Amino acid sequence: MEARRKHQPYYAIRAYQILSKLSDKDVASALGITTRTYYNKVEGFSDFSAEQARMLTDLFGRTMDEIFLV
Protein backbone atom coordinates (compact mmCIF):
# COMPACT_ATOMS: atom_id res chain seq x y z
CA MET A 1 0.00 0.00 0.00
CA GLU A 2 1.36 3.40 -0.99
CA ALA A 3 1.71 6.09 1.70
CA ARG A 4 -0.40 9.21 1.28
CA ARG A 5 1.09 12.68 1.38
CA LYS A 6 -0.12 15.03 4.11
CA HIS A 7 0.94 18.05 2.05
CA GLN A 8 2.93 19.03 -1.04
CA PRO A 9 6.68 18.38 -0.97
CA TYR A 10 8.86 21.17 0.40
CA TYR A 11 10.65 22.15 -2.81
CA ALA A 12 12.27 25.21 -1.19
CA ILE A 13 13.94 23.04 1.45
CA ARG A 14 15.46 20.89 -1.31
CA ALA A 15 16.61 24.03 -3.15
CA TYR A 16 18.27 25.54 -0.06
CA GLN A 17 19.82 22.18 0.74
CA ILE A 18 21.38 22.05 -2.74
CA LEU A 19 22.55 25.67 -2.51
CA SER A 20 24.13 24.86 0.85
CA LYS A 21 25.81 21.77 -0.65
CA LEU A 22 24.43 19.58 2.13
CA SER A 23 23.42 15.95 1.71
CA ASP A 24 20.23 14.44 3.11
CA LYS A 25 22.42 12.80 5.73
CA ASP A 26 23.95 16.18 6.71
CA VAL A 27 20.56 17.83 7.18
CA ALA A 28 19.04 14.82 8.95
CA SER A 29 21.99 14.72 11.33
CA ALA A 30 21.61 18.45 12.09
CA LEU A 31 17.93 17.81 12.89
CA GLY A 32 18.67 14.72 14.98
CA ILE A 33 16.58 12.41 12.78
CA THR A 34 17.26 9.59 10.34
CA THR A 35 17.76 10.19 6.66
CA ARG A 36 14.54 8.28 5.92
CA THR A 37 12.56 10.45 8.36
CA TYR A 38 14.00 13.58 6.74
CA TYR A 39 13.01 12.30 3.30
CA ASN A 40 9.45 11.61 4.51
CA LYS A 41 9.16 15.12 5.93
CA VAL A 42 10.52 16.87 2.82
CA GLU A 43 8.37 14.76 0.51
CA GLY A 44 5.20 15.61 2.46
CA PHE A 45 4.48 12.29 4.19
CA SER A 46 5.01 13.76 7.66
CA ASP A 47 5.55 17.19 9.18
CA PHE A 48 8.50 19.03 10.70
CA SER A 49 8.15 19.98 14.34
CA ALA A 50 8.37 23.65 15.29
CA GLU A 51 11.85 23.02 16.70
CA GLN A 52 12.99 21.30 13.51
CA ALA A 53 11.63 24.19 11.44
CA ARG A 54 13.63 26.63 13.58
CA MET A 55 16.72 24.46 13.14
CA LEU A 56 16.26 24.58 9.36
CA THR A 57 16.13 28.39 9.43
CA ASP A 58 19.43 28.41 11.31
CA LEU A 59 21.00 25.78 9.06
CA PHE A 60 20.07 27.51 5.79
CA GLY A 61 20.19 31.10 7.06
CA ARG A 62 16.65 31.72 5.77
CA THR A 63 13.34 32.78 7.26
CA MET A 64 10.39 30.46 7.89
CA ASP A 65 8.54 32.20 5.06
CA GLU A 66 11.36 31.45 2.64
CA ILE A 67 11.78 27.84 3.70
CA PHE A 68 8.12 26.91 3.93
CA LEU A 69 6.85 29.35 1.25
CA VAL A 70 4.26 30.82 3.55
PDB file of N, CA and C in Angstrom:
ATOM      1  N   MET A   1       0.840  -1.185   0.000  1.00  0.00           N
ATOM      2  CA  MET A   1       0.000   0.000   0.000  1.00  0.00           C
ATOM      3  C   MET A   1       0.887   1.250   0.000  1.00  0.00           C
ATOM      4  N   GLU A   2       0.581   2.182  -0.859  1.00  0.00           N
ATOM      5  CA  GLU A   2       1.356   3.402  -0.985  1.00  0.00           C
ATOM      6  C   GLU A   2       0.955   4.406   0.097  1.00  0.00           C
ATOM      7  N   ALA A   3       1.971   5.066   0.678  1.00  0.00           N
ATOM      8  CA  ALA A   3       1.710   6.086   1.699  1.00  0.00           C
ATOM      9  C   ALA A   3       1.091   7.316   1.042  1.00  0.00           C
ATOM     10  N   ARG A   4       0.256   8.003   1.788  1.00  0.00           N
ATOM     11  CA  ARG A   4      -0.396   9.215   1.276  1.00  0.00           C
ATOM     12  C   ARG A   4       0.315  10.446   1.822  1.00  0.00           C
ATOM     13  N   ARG A   5       0.462  11.420   0.968  1.00  0.00           N
ATOM     14  CA  ARG A   5       1.086  12.681   1.383  1.00  0.00           C
ATOM     15  C   ARG A   5       0.118  13.472   2.254  1.00  0.00           C
ATOM     16  N   LYS A   6       0.670  14.129   3.269  1.00  0.00           N
ATOM     17  CA  LYS A   6      -0.115  15.031   4.111  1.00  0.00           C
ATOM     18  C   LYS A   6      -0.176  16.421   3.475  1.00  0.00           C
ATOM     19  N   HIS A   7       0.843  16.742   2.696  1.00  0.00           N
ATOM     20  CA  HIS A   7       0.945  18.050   2.047  1.00  0.00           C
ATOM     21  C   HIS A   7       1.893  17.930   0.863  1.00  0.00           C
ATOM     22  N   GLN A   8       2.014  19.005   0.099  1.00  0.00           N
ATOM     23  CA  GLN A   8       2.926  19.027  -1.037  1.00  0.00           C
ATOM     24  C   GLN A   8       4.375  18.944  -0.548  1.00  0.00           C
ATOM     25  N   PRO A   9       5.259  18.407  -1.360  1.00  0.00           N
ATOM     26  CA  PRO A   9       6.681  18.384  -0.974  1.00  0.00           C
ATOM     27  C   PRO A   9       7.211  19.795  -0.740  1.00  0.00           C
ATOM     28  N   TYR A  10       8.223  19.887   0.107  1.00  0.00           N
ATOM     29  CA  TYR A  10       8.862  21.172   0.399  1.00  0.00           C
ATOM     30  C   TYR A  10       9.997  21.396  -0.597  1.00  0.00           C
ATOM     31  N   TYR A  11       9.660  21.934  -1.770  1.00  0.00           N
ATOM     32  CA  TYR A  11      10.654  22.153  -2.810  1.00  0.00           C
ATOM     33  C   TYR A  11      11.703  23.180  -2.396  1.00  0.00           C
ATOM     34  N   ALA A  12      11.320  24.174  -1.622  1.00  0.00           N
ATOM     35  CA  ALA A  12      12.268  25.206  -1.190  1.00  0.00           C
ATOM     36  C   ALA A  12      13.339  24.609  -0.281  1.00  0.00           C
ATOM     37  N   ILE A  13      12.950  23.667   0.572  1.00  0.00           N
ATOM     38  CA  ILE A  13      13.941  23.039   1.446  1.00  0.00           C
ATOM     39  C   ILE A  13      14.979  22.315   0.600  1.00  0.00           C
ATOM     40  N   ARG A  14      14.521  21.589  -0.411  1.00  0.00           N
ATOM     41  CA  ARG A  14      15.458  20.893  -1.312  1.00  0.00           C
ATOM     42  C   ARG A  14      16.370  21.904  -2.013  1.00  0.00           C
ATOM     43  N   ALA A  15      15.808  23.016  -2.449  1.00  0.00           N
ATOM     44  CA  ALA A  15      16.613  24.030  -3.148  1.00  0.00           C
ATOM     45  C   ALA A  15      17.678  24.613  -2.220  1.00  0.00           C
ATOM     46  N   TYR A  16      17.294  24.972  -1.001  1.00  0.00           N
ATOM     47  CA  TYR A  16      18.266  25.539  -0.065  1.00  0.00           C
ATOM     48  C   TYR A  16      19.293  24.493   0.352  1.00  0.00           C
ATOM     49  N   GLN A  17      18.887  23.257   0.416  1.00  0.00           N
ATOM     50  CA  GLN A  17      19.817  22.180   0.738  1.00  0.00           C
ATOM     51  C   GLN A  17      20.880  22.065  -0.361  1.00  0.00           C
ATOM     52  N   ILE A  18      20.451  22.117  -1.603  1.00  0.00           N
ATOM     53  CA  ILE A  18      21.380  22.046  -2.737  1.00  0.00           C
ATOM     54  C   ILE A  18      22.309  23.263  -2.749  1.00  0.00           C
ATOM     55  N   LEU A  19      21.729  24.449  -2.542  1.00  0.00           N
ATOM     56  CA  LEU A  19      22.548  25.667  -2.510  1.00  0.00           C
ATOM     57  C   LEU A  19      23.585  25.628  -1.388  1.00  0.00           C
ATOM     58  N   SER A  20      23.230  24.975  -0.291  1.00  0.00           N
ATOM     59  CA  SER A  20      24.131  24.860   0.854  1.00  0.00           C
ATOM     60  C   SER A  20      25.115  23.714   0.701  1.00  0.00           C
ATOM     61  N   LYS A  21      24.950  22.931  -0.374  1.00  0.00           N
ATOM     62  CA  LYS A  21      25.811  21.775  -0.651  1.00  0.00           C
ATOM     63  C   LYS A  21      25.802  20.769   0.495  1.00  0.00           C
ATOM     64  N   LEU A  22      24.599  20.542   1.043  1.00  0.00           N
ATOM     65  CA  LEU A  22      24.429  19.582   2.130  1.00  0.00           C
ATOM     66  C   LEU A  22      23.689  18.352   1.614  1.00  0.00           C
ATOM     67  N   SER A  23      24.096  17.193   2.085  1.00  0.00           N
ATOM     68  CA  SER A  23      23.419  15.953   1.713  1.00  0.00           C
ATOM     69  C   SER A  23      22.205  15.748   2.617  1.00  0.00           C
ATOM     70  N   ASP A  24      21.355  14.813   2.242  1.00  0.00           N
ATOM     71  CA  ASP A  24      20.226  14.444   3.109  1.00  0.00           C
ATOM     72  C   ASP A  24      20.750  14.017   4.476  1.00  0.00           C
ATOM     73  N   LYS A  25      21.842  13.276   4.478  1.00  0.00           N
ATOM     74  CA  LYS A  25      22.424  12.802   5.733  1.00  0.00           C
ATOM     75  C   LYS A  25      22.887  13.974   6.595  1.00  0.00           C
ATOM     76  N   ASP A  26      23.490  14.997   5.974  1.00  0.00           N
ATOM     77  CA  ASP A  26      23.947  16.178   6.713  1.00  0.00           C
ATOM     78  C   ASP A  26      22.782  16.888   7.396  1.00  0.00           C
ATOM     79  N   VAL A  27      21.713  17.110   6.635  1.00  0.00           N
ATOM     80  CA  VAL A  27      20.556  17.834   7.183  1.00  0.00           C
ATOM     81  C   VAL A  27      19.862  16.981   8.253  1.00  0.00           C
ATOM     82  N   ALA A  28      19.676  15.709   7.968  1.00  0.00           N
ATOM     83  CA  ALA A  28      19.039  14.820   8.947  1.00  0.00           C
ATOM     84  C   ALA A  28      19.828  14.800  10.246  1.00  0.00           C
ATOM     85  N   SER A  29      21.133  14.720  10.138  1.00  0.00           N
ATOM     86  CA  SER A  29      21.985  14.716  11.330  1.00  0.00           C
ATOM     87  C   SER A  29      21.831  16.010  12.119  1.00  0.00           C
ATOM     88  N   ALA A  30      21.793  17.148  11.419  1.00  0.00           N
ATOM     89  CA  ALA A  30      21.613  18.445  12.093  1.00  0.00           C
ATOM     90  C   ALA A  30      20.275  18.517  12.822  1.00  0.00           C
ATOM     91  N   LEU A  31      19.263  17.826  12.273  1.00  0.00           N
ATOM     92  CA  LEU A  31      17.932  17.813  12.890  1.00  0.00           C
ATOM     93  C   LEU A  31      17.779  16.722  13.939  1.00  0.00           C
ATOM     94  N   GLY A  32      18.746  15.809  14.007  1.00  0.00           N
ATOM     95  CA  GLY A  32      18.672  14.719  14.983  1.00  0.00           C
ATOM     96  C   GLY A  32      17.680  13.631  14.590  1.00  0.00           C
ATOM     97  N   ILE A  33      17.505  13.423  13.268  1.00  0.00           N
ATOM     98  CA  ILE A  33      16.581  12.411  12.778  1.00  0.00           C
ATOM     99  C   ILE A  33      17.293  11.542  11.736  1.00  0.00           C
ATOM    100  N   THR A  34      16.669  10.452  11.356  1.00  0.00           N
ATOM    101  CA  THR A  34      17.259   9.587  10.343  1.00  0.00           C
ATOM    102  C   THR A  34      17.079  10.205   8.953  1.00  0.00           C
ATOM    103  N   THR A  35      17.868   9.723   8.034  1.00  0.00           N
ATOM    104  CA  THR A  35      17.760  10.187   6.657  1.00  0.00           C
ATOM    105  C   THR A  35      16.384   9.861   6.089  1.00  0.00           C
ATOM    106  N   ARG A  36      15.856   8.689   6.404  1.00  0.00           N
ATOM    107  CA  ARG A  36      14.536   8.276   5.920  1.00  0.00           C
ATOM    108  C   ARG A  36      13.444   9.198   6.467  1.00  0.00           C
ATOM    109  N   THR A  37      13.531   9.541   7.749  1.00  0.00           N
ATOM    110  CA  THR A  37      12.556  10.448   8.357  1.00  0.00           C
ATOM    111  C   THR A  37      12.624  11.824   7.693  1.00  0.00           C
ATOM    112  N   TYR A  38      13.835  12.294   7.426  1.00  0.00           N
ATOM    113  CA  TYR A  38      14.005  13.579   6.744  1.00  0.00           C
ATOM    114  C   TYR A  38      13.350  13.526   5.365  1.00  0.00           C
ATOM    115  N   TYR A  39      13.612  12.474   4.623  1.00  0.00           N
ATOM    116  CA  TYR A  39      13.009  12.295   3.297  1.00  0.00           C
ATOM    117  C   TYR A  39      11.483  12.357   3.392  1.00  0.00           C
ATOM    118  N   ASN A  40      10.910  11.638   4.352  1.00  0.00           N
ATOM    119  CA  ASN A  40       9.450  11.614   4.510  1.00  0.00           C
ATOM    120  C   ASN A  40       8.888  12.998   4.817  1.00  0.00           C
ATOM    121  N   LYS A  41       9.616  13.776   5.592  1.00  0.00           N
ATOM    122  CA  LYS A  41       9.157  15.122   5.927  1.00  0.00           C
ATOM    123  C   LYS A  41       9.227  16.040   4.706  1.00  0.00           C
ATOM    124  N   VAL A  42      10.353  16.013   3.990  1.00  0.00           N
ATOM    125  CA  VAL A  42      10.519  16.875   2.822  1.00  0.00           C
ATOM    126  C   VAL A  42       9.531  16.501   1.719  1.00  0.00           C
ATOM    127  N   GLU A  43       9.264  15.230   1.570  1.00  0.00           N
ATOM    128  CA  GLU A  43       8.367  14.762   0.510  1.00  0.00           C
ATOM    129  C   GLU A  43       6.881  14.894   0.862  1.00  0.00           C
ATOM    130  N   GLY A  44       6.571  15.326   2.083  1.00  0.00           N
ATOM    131  CA  GLY A  44       5.195  15.607   2.458  1.00  0.00           C
ATOM    132  C   GLY A  44       4.442  14.478   3.134  1.00  0.00           C
ATOM    133  N   PHE A  45       5.144  13.418   3.531  1.00  0.00           N
ATOM    134  CA  PHE A  45       4.478  12.291   4.187  1.00  0.00           C
ATOM    135  C   PHE A  45       4.335  12.489   5.694  1.00  0.00           C
ATOM    136  N   SER A  46       5.135  13.389   6.251  1.00  0.00           N
ATOM    137  CA  SER A  46       5.013  13.756   7.662  1.00  0.00           C
ATOM    138  C   SER A  46       5.445  15.207   7.800  1.00  0.00           C
ATOM    139  N   ASP A  47       5.289  15.771   8.977  1.00  0.00           N
ATOM    140  CA  ASP A  47       5.549  17.194   9.184  1.00  0.00           C
ATOM    141  C   ASP A  47       6.795  17.432  10.026  1.00  0.00           C
ATOM    142  N   PHE A  48       7.399  18.586   9.833  1.00  0.00           N
ATOM    143  CA  PHE A  48       8.498  19.026  10.696  1.00  0.00           C
ATOM    144  C   PHE A  48       7.902  19.590  11.974  1.00  0.00           C
ATOM    145  N   SER A  49       8.579  19.364  13.085  1.00  0.00           N
ATOM    146  CA  SER A  49       8.153  19.981  14.339  1.00  0.00           C
ATOM    147  C   SER A  49       8.558  21.454  14.300  1.00  0.00           C
ATOM    148  N   ALA A  50       8.022  22.231  15.210  1.00  0.00           N
ATOM    149  CA  ALA A  50       8.373  23.650  15.288  1.00  0.00           C
ATOM    150  C   ALA A  50       9.871  23.807  15.550  1.00  0.00           C
ATOM    151  N   GLU A  51      10.419  22.968  16.394  1.00  0.00           N
ATOM    152  CA  GLU A  51      11.852  23.018  16.700  1.00  0.00           C
ATOM    153  C   GLU A  51      12.680  22.664  15.464  1.00  0.00           C
ATOM    154  N   GLN A  52      12.271  21.665  14.728  1.00  0.00           N
ATOM    155  CA  GLN A  52      12.995  21.296  13.507  1.00  0.00           C
ATOM    156  C   GLN A  52      12.913  22.413  12.475  1.00  0.00           C
ATOM    157  N   ALA A  53      11.780  23.061  12.369  1.00  0.00           N
ATOM    158  CA  ALA A  53      11.627  24.193  11.442  1.00  0.00           C
ATOM    159  C   ALA A  53      12.588  25.312  11.822  1.00  0.00           C
ATOM    160  N   ARG A  54      12.697  25.598  13.112  1.00  0.00           N
ATOM    161  CA  ARG A  54      13.633  26.627  13.578  1.00  0.00           C
ATOM    162  C   ARG A  54      15.067  26.224  13.257  1.00  0.00           C
ATOM    163  N   MET A  55      15.378  24.951  13.440  1.00  0.00           N
ATOM    164  CA  MET A  55      16.724  24.462  13.143  1.00  0.00           C
ATOM    165  C   MET A  55      17.049  24.614  11.650  1.00  0.00           C
ATOM    166  N   LEU A  56      16.054  24.402  10.797  1.00  0.00           N
ATOM    167  CA  LEU A  56      16.262  24.581   9.358  1.00  0.00           C
ATOM    168  C   LEU A  56      16.553  26.039   9.027  1.00  0.00           C
ATOM    169  N   THR A  57      15.871  26.969   9.692  1.00  0.00           N
ATOM    170  CA  THR A  57      16.130  28.391   9.430  1.00  0.00           C
ATOM    171  C   THR A  57      17.566  28.733   9.800  1.00  0.00           C
ATOM    172  N   ASP A  58      18.041  28.181  10.897  1.00  0.00           N
ATOM    173  CA  ASP A  58      19.434  28.412  11.314  1.00  0.00           C
ATOM    174  C   ASP A  58      20.409  27.762  10.334  1.00  0.00           C
ATOM    175  N   LEU A  59      20.114  26.541   9.937  1.00  0.00           N
ATOM    176  CA  LEU A  59      20.998  25.783   9.058  1.00  0.00           C
ATOM    177  C   LEU A  59      21.157  26.446   7.694  1.00  0.00           C
ATOM    178  N   PHE A  60      20.039  26.930   7.125  1.00  0.00           N
ATOM    179  CA  PHE A  60      20.073  27.512   5.788  1.00  0.00           C
ATOM    180  C   PHE A  60      20.205  29.036   5.799  1.00  0.00           C
ATOM    181  N   GLY A  61      20.103  29.650   6.972  1.00  0.00           N
ATOM    182  CA  GLY A  61      20.189  31.104   7.055  1.00  0.00           C
ATOM    183  C   GLY A  61      19.041  31.791   6.340  1.00  0.00           C
ATOM    184  N   ARG A  62      17.850  31.209   6.439  1.00  0.00           N
ATOM    185  CA  ARG A  62      16.653  31.719   5.767  1.00  0.00           C
ATOM    186  C   ARG A  62      15.531  31.882   6.780  1.00  0.00           C
ATOM    187  N   THR A  63      14.503  32.608   6.388  1.00  0.00           N
ATOM    188  CA  THR A  63      13.337  32.782   7.262  1.00  0.00           C
ATOM    189  C   THR A  63      12.374  31.609   7.081  1.00  0.00           C
ATOM    190  N   MET A  64      11.445  31.488   7.998  1.00  0.00           N
ATOM    191  CA  MET A  64      10.394  30.464   7.886  1.00  0.00           C
ATOM    192  C   MET A  64       9.609  30.660   6.598  1.00  0.00           C
ATOM    193  N   ASP A  65       9.295  31.909   6.283  1.00  0.00           N
ATOM    194  CA  ASP A  65       8.540  32.200   5.057  1.00  0.00           C
ATOM    195  C   ASP A  65       9.278  31.699   3.821  1.00  0.00           C
ATOM    196  N   GLU A  66      10.581  31.901   3.787  1.00  0.00           N
ATOM    197  CA  GLU A  66      11.359  31.450   2.636  1.00  0.00           C
ATOM    198  C   GLU A  66      11.420  29.922   2.560  1.00  0.00           C
ATOM    199  N   ILE A  67      11.631  29.293   3.683  1.00  0.00           N
ATOM    200  CA  ILE A  67      11.781  27.837   3.699  1.00  0.00           C
ATOM    201  C   ILE A  67      10.460  27.125   3.428  1.00  0.00           C
ATOM    202  N   PHE A  68       9.397  27.587   4.038  1.00  0.00           N
ATOM    203  CA  PHE A  68       8.117  26.908   3.930  1.00  0.00           C
ATOM    204  C   PHE A  68       7.156  27.599   2.962  1.00  0.00           C
ATOM    205  N   LEU A  69       7.646  28.634   2.257  1.00  0.00           N
ATOM    206  CA  LEU A  69       6.855  29.352   1.248  1.00  0.00           C
ATOM    207  C   LEU A  69       5.479  29.756   1.755  1.00  0.00           C
ATOM    208  N   VAL A  70       5.506  30.376   2.912  1.00  0.00           N
ATOM    209  CA  VAL A  70       4.261  30.820   3.548  1.00  0.00           C
ATOM    210  C   VAL A  70       3.809  32.125   2.932  1.00  0.00           C
TER     211      VAL A  70
END
